[in-house]
């Protein structure tokens, strides 16, 4: 069976690498013949540092579906069309928003150096923080702060984009229309009802809709309605659920 794991808030906490206990549980899955796929809001660049080396070659969906990686190589990226990208940048400047904008590999960051998101961006300095105007293709945008959050959300609704508002961090995640974790999984050849999904937030909704079995970690109103079951975000309970499903799927 294929097991698809979101990272932050699901099996990875406070931006830190996977714990030894989580790694052992995932290794047990592989030893039993199951396949692991990671599906995260993080771009592949920022997904790698939280994984042990031997898992950095596992199939991955990053940027909520905008990046797809297999065998350690990015095999697909989807970026905003130039007109949409220009409109997003105009909104950012009009509403004086702080942002994290990802290109295919490099990025542009304008927020506070102490923002929690900043600590998760390129910690191993694999890329460059360049000026926004130097990004040739924009793959993903995160609005970190704006004085007019509701207004910018309303304007974004007029554009061909998908937005996720993460209430806990009060950020707005923006991806090209039609891009989500499920579309990314399809590029890896994953078929409906052929995988088990673990997730914790709005960007896991489409993935849960097509899963054979889904586990919501923690509390999320929309995701809980779709999930087969839910579990507290306590690491020990998550590991217990992984092992339980591993045994059931033999």
Protein backbone atom coordinates (compact mmCIF):
# COMPACT_ATOMS: atom_id res chain seq x y z
CA UNK A 1 0.00 0.00 0.00
CA UNK A 2 1.09 3.55 -0.65
CA UNK A 3 1.18 5.87 2.37
CA UNK A 4 1.11 9.62 1.67
CA UNK A 5 2.24 11.92 4.47
CA UNK A 6 1.92 15.65 4.80
CA UNK A 7 4.81 17.01 6.87
CA UNK A 8 4.29 20.13 8.98
CA UNK A 9 1.76 19.56 11.73
CA UNK A 10 1.27 15.92 10.68
CA UNK A 11 4.56 14.07 11.24
CA UNK A 12 6.93 17.05 11.46
CA UNK A 13 6.56 19.64 14.22
CA UNK A 14 7.84 23.18 14.87
CA UNK A 15 9.89 23.08 11.68
CA UNK A 16 12.24 20.47 13.11
CA UNK A 17 13.39 17.31 11.27
CA UNK A 18 11.41 14.12 11.68
CA UNK A 19 12.01 12.62 15.11
CA UNK A 20 13.85 9.34 15.46
CA UNK A 21 10.62 7.68 16.58
CA UNK A 22 8.76 8.86 13.45
CA UNK A 23 11.65 7.76 11.22
CA UNK A 24 11.60 4.30 12.81
CA UNK A 25 7.86 3.98 12.19
CA UNK A 26 8.25 5.00 8.54
CA UNK A 27 11.19 2.63 8.11
CA UNK A 28 8.98 -0.15 9.48
CA UNK A 29 6.41 0.66 6.78
CA UNK A 30 9.02 0.30 4.04
CA UNK A 31 10.37 -2.91 5.57
CA UNK A 32 6.85 -4.36 5.39
CA UNK A 33 6.74 -3.59 1.67
CA UNK A 34 4.72 -0.36 1.72
CA UNK A 35 5.67 2.75 -0.26
CA UNK A 36 5.99 6.23 1.27
CA UNK A 37 5.29 9.51 -0.53
CA UNK A 38 5.67 12.93 1.10
CA UNK A 39 3.21 15.68 0.11
CA UNK A 40 3.90 19.11 1.57
CA UNK A 41 3.26 22.82 1.14
CA UNK A 42 7.04 23.21 1.27
CA UNK A 43 8.92 23.36 -2.03
CA UNK A 44 11.23 20.39 -2.52
CA UNK A 45 14.18 22.58 -1.54
CA UNK A 46 12.74 23.06 1.97
CA UNK A 47 11.25 19.60 2.24
CA UNK A 48 14.62 17.84 2.06
CA UNK A 49 16.22 19.26 5.26
CA UNK A 50 13.57 17.75 7.56
CA UNK A 51 14.08 14.24 6.15
CA UNK A 52 16.88 11.77 6.90
CA UNK A 53 19.21 11.23 3.96
CA UNK A 54 17.82 7.83 3.01
CA UNK A 55 14.31 9.32 2.63
CA UNK A 56 15.37 12.23 0.42
CA UNK A 57 15.01 9.97 -2.62
CA UNK A 58 11.42 8.97 -1.84
CA UNK A 59 8.69 10.31 -4.18
CA UNK A 60 7.60 13.80 -3.15
CA UNK A 61 4.97 16.40 -3.93
CA UNK A 62 6.00 19.90 -2.88
CA UNK A 63 4.50 23.38 -3.05
CA UNK A 64 0.98 21.92 -2.68
CA UNK A 65 1.40 20.11 -5.98
CA UNK A 66 3.51 22.61 -7.93
CA UNK A 67 6.65 20.47 -7.57
CA UNK A 68 6.97 16.72 -8.08
CA UNK A 69 10.16 14.83 -7.33
CA UNK A 70 11.18 11.23 -7.85
CA UNK A 71 14.49 9.46 -7.18
CA UNK A 72 15.99 12.72 -5.96
CA UNK A 73 15.15 14.71 -9.10
CA UNK A 74 12.39 17.24 -9.73
CA UNK A 75 10.36 15.83 -12.63
CA UNK A 76 7.63 18.48 -12.81
CA UNK A 77 7.05 22.12 -11.89
CA UNK A 78 3.98 24.26 -12.57
CA UNK A 79 4.22 28.03 -12.42
CA UNK A 80 1.80 30.93 -12.68
CA UNK A 81 1.25 32.29 -16.15
CA UNK A 82 3.01 35.68 -16.57
CA UNK A 83 -0.22 37.72 -16.49
CA UNK A 84 -1.39 36.13 -13.24
CA UNK A 85 2.07 36.47 -11.69
CA UNK A 86 2.13 40.17 -12.58
CA UNK A 87 -1.29 40.68 -10.99
CA UNK A 88 -0.22 38.95 -7.78
CA UNK A 89 2.89 41.12 -7.57
CA UNK A 90 0.77 44.25 -8.11
CA UNK A 91 -1.47 43.21 -5.21
CA UNK A 92 1.53 42.58 -2.99
CA UNK A 93 2.86 46.04 -3.70
CA UNK A 94 -0.52 47.74 -3.47
CA UNK A 95 -1.29 46.23 -0.07
CA UNK A 96 2.30 46.44 1.18
CA UNK A 97 2.40 42.73 1.96
CA UNK A 98 5.34 40.74 3.25
CA UNK A 99 5.92 37.62 1.17
CA UNK A 100 7.79 34.43 0.42
CA UNK A 101 7.77 33.78 -3.32
CA UNK A 102 9.27 30.60 -4.75
CA UNK A 103 10.73 30.25 -8.19
CA UNK A 104 11.74 26.91 -9.62
CA UNK A 105 14.59 26.80 -7.07
CA UNK A 106 15.53 30.28 -5.80
CA UNK A 107 13.15 32.48 -3.84
CA UNK A 108 12.35 36.06 -2.79
CA UNK A 109 11.62 36.82 0.86
CA UNK A 110 10.61 40.19 2.31
CA UNK A 111 9.29 39.33 5.76
CA UNK A 112 10.65 39.60 9.26
CA UNK A 113 13.83 37.59 9.80
CA UNK A 114 12.23 36.17 12.96
CA UNK A 115 9.03 34.98 11.29
CA UNK A 116 8.48 31.23 11.91
CA UNK A 117 8.26 30.63 8.16
CA UNK A 118 11.69 32.19 7.63
CA UNK A 119 13.32 29.58 9.85
CA UNK A 120 12.03 26.85 7.53
CA UNK A 121 13.19 28.50 4.29
CA UNK A 122 16.36 27.06 2.79
CA UNK A 123 18.11 26.29 6.11
CA UNK A 124 20.91 24.48 4.29
CA UNK A 125 21.44 27.39 1.85
CA UNK A 126 20.79 25.30 -1.23
CA UNK A 127 19.32 28.32 -3.08
CA UNK A 128 19.50 32.12 -3.17
CA UNK A 129 17.22 34.79 -1.75
CA UNK A 130 17.02 37.10 -4.76
CA UNK A 131 15.03 40.21 -5.61
CA UNK A 132 11.46 39.54 -6.68
CA UNK A 133 12.08 41.05 -10.13
CA UNK A 134 14.83 38.48 -10.74
CA UNK A 135 12.53 35.45 -10.42
CA UNK A 136 11.87 34.21 -13.95
CA UNK A 137 9.02 31.85 -13.09
CA UNK A 138 6.87 32.09 -9.97
CA UNK A 139 5.67 28.73 -8.69
CA UNK A 140 4.22 29.54 -5.27
CA UNK A 141 3.41 32.64 -3.22
CA UNK A 142 2.90 32.98 0.53
CA UNK A 143 1.55 36.24 1.93
CA UNK A 144 3.05 36.47 5.40
CA UNK A 145 1.51 39.74 6.54
CA UNK A 146 -0.66 42.50 5.10
CA UNK A 147 -2.43 45.49 6.59
CA UNK A 148 -5.44 44.60 4.44
CA UNK A 149 -5.69 40.81 4.54
CA UNK A 150 -9.39 40.59 3.73
CA UNK A 151 -9.06 42.96 0.78
CA UNK A 152 -6.15 41.05 -0.69
CA UNK A 153 -8.11 37.79 -0.33
CA UNK A 154 -11.05 39.31 -2.19
CA UNK A 155 -8.78 40.48 -5.00
CA UNK A 156 -7.13 37.06 -5.24
CA UNK A 157 -10.56 35.47 -5.75
CA UNK A 158 -10.73 37.29 -9.09
CA UNK A 159 -7.56 35.58 -10.31
CA UNK A 160 -7.06 32.00 -11.60
CA UNK A 161 -5.39 30.83 -8.38
CA UNK A 162 -6.02 28.56 -5.41
CA UNK A 163 -5.67 30.10 -1.96
CA UNK A 164 -5.35 28.44 1.43
CA UNK A 165 -5.54 30.53 4.56
CA UNK A 166 -3.66 28.95 7.44
CA UNK A 167 -5.35 30.36 10.51
CA UNK A 168 -2.75 29.25 13.01
CA UNK A 169 -0.04 31.28 11.30
CA UNK A 170 -2.41 33.76 9.62
CA UNK A 171 -0.74 33.37 6.25
CA UNK A 172 -2.19 33.07 2.74
CA UNK A 173 -0.82 30.29 0.53
CA UNK A 174 -1.31 30.87 -3.22
CA UNK A 175 -0.87 28.28 -5.99
CA UNK A 176 -1.76 28.21 -9.70
CA UNK A 177 -5.34 27.18 -10.43
CA UNK A 178 -5.77 23.43 -10.79
CA UNK A 179 -2.68 22.65 -8.72
CA UNK A 180 -3.06 20.71 -5.49
CA UNK A 181 -1.52 17.72 -3.77
CA UNK A 182 -3.79 15.28 -5.60
CA UNK A 183 -2.75 16.57 -9.04
CA UNK A 184 0.86 16.19 -7.91
CA UNK A 185 0.28 12.64 -6.77
CA UNK A 186 -1.24 11.79 -10.14
CA UNK A 187 2.03 12.81 -11.81
CA UNK A 188 3.65 10.07 -9.73
CA UNK A 189 1.17 7.56 -11.13
CA UNK A 190 -0.96 7.37 -7.98
CA UNK A 191 -4.53 6.26 -8.65
CA UNK A 192 -7.71 7.03 -6.68
CA UNK A 193 -8.46 4.78 -3.71
CA UNK A 194 -4.99 3.26 -3.91
CA UNK A 195 -3.33 5.12 -1.04
CA UNK A 196 -3.63 6.05 2.62
CA UNK A 197 -3.27 9.76 3.43
CA UNK A 198 -2.21 11.55 6.61
CA UNK A 199 -2.76 15.33 6.77
CA UNK A 200 -3.79 18.21 9.00
CA UNK A 201 -4.86 21.24 6.98
CA UNK A 202 -6.97 22.68 4.16
CA UNK A 203 -4.34 21.91 1.53
CA UNK A 204 -4.89 18.19 2.19
CA UNK A 205 -8.59 18.26 1.22
CA UNK A 206 -8.22 17.16 -2.42
CA UNK A 207 -5.79 14.42 -1.41
CA UNK A 208 -8.25 13.12 1.20
CA UNK A 209 -11.09 13.09 -1.35
CA UNK A 210 -9.24 10.48 -3.41
CA UNK A 211 -7.68 8.39 -0.64
CA UNK A 212 -8.75 4.86 0.22
CA UNK A 213 -8.29 5.73 3.89
CA UNK A 214 -7.45 9.12 5.43
CA UNK A 215 -6.28 10.24 8.86
CA UNK A 216 -6.75 13.83 10.04
CA UNK A 217 -4.07 14.77 12.57
CA UNK A 218 -5.38 17.29 15.09
CA UNK A 219 -8.46 19.46 14.64
CA UNK A 220 -9.53 20.87 11.28
CA UNK A 221 -13.24 21.32 10.54
CA UNK A 222 -13.22 20.74 6.76
CA UNK A 223 -10.64 17.95 6.78
CA UNK A 224 -12.31 16.12 9.66
CA UNK A 225 -15.52 15.84 7.64
CA UNK A 226 -13.66 14.07 4.83
CA UNK A 227 -11.35 11.93 6.96
CA UNK A 228 -11.94 8.26 7.61
CA UNK A 229 -10.71 8.90 11.13
CA UNK A 230 -8.77 11.43 13.14
CA UNK A 231 -6.04 11.29 15.74
CA UNK A 232 -4.57 13.77 18.20
CA UNK A 233 -1.37 15.53 17.07
CA UNK A 234 0.58 13.79 19.86
CA UNK A 235 3.49 12.01 18.23
CA UNK A 236 3.02 8.76 20.14
CA UNK A 237 -0.59 8.46 18.99
CA UNK A 238 0.34 9.22 15.38
CA UNK A 239 2.98 6.49 15.43
CA UNK A 240 0.49 4.04 16.93
CA UNK A 241 -1.96 4.81 14.10
CA UNK A 242 0.75 4.34 11.43
CA UNK A 243 1.71 0.94 12.86
CA UNK A 244 -1.95 -0.07 13.20
CA UNK A 245 -2.65 0.72 9.53
CA UNK A 246 0.60 -0.94 8.48
CA UNK A 247 -0.57 -4.19 10.06
CA UNK A 248 -4.10 -3.91 8.65
CA UNK A 249 -2.82 -3.46 5.09
CA UNK A 250 -0.71 -6.62 5.02
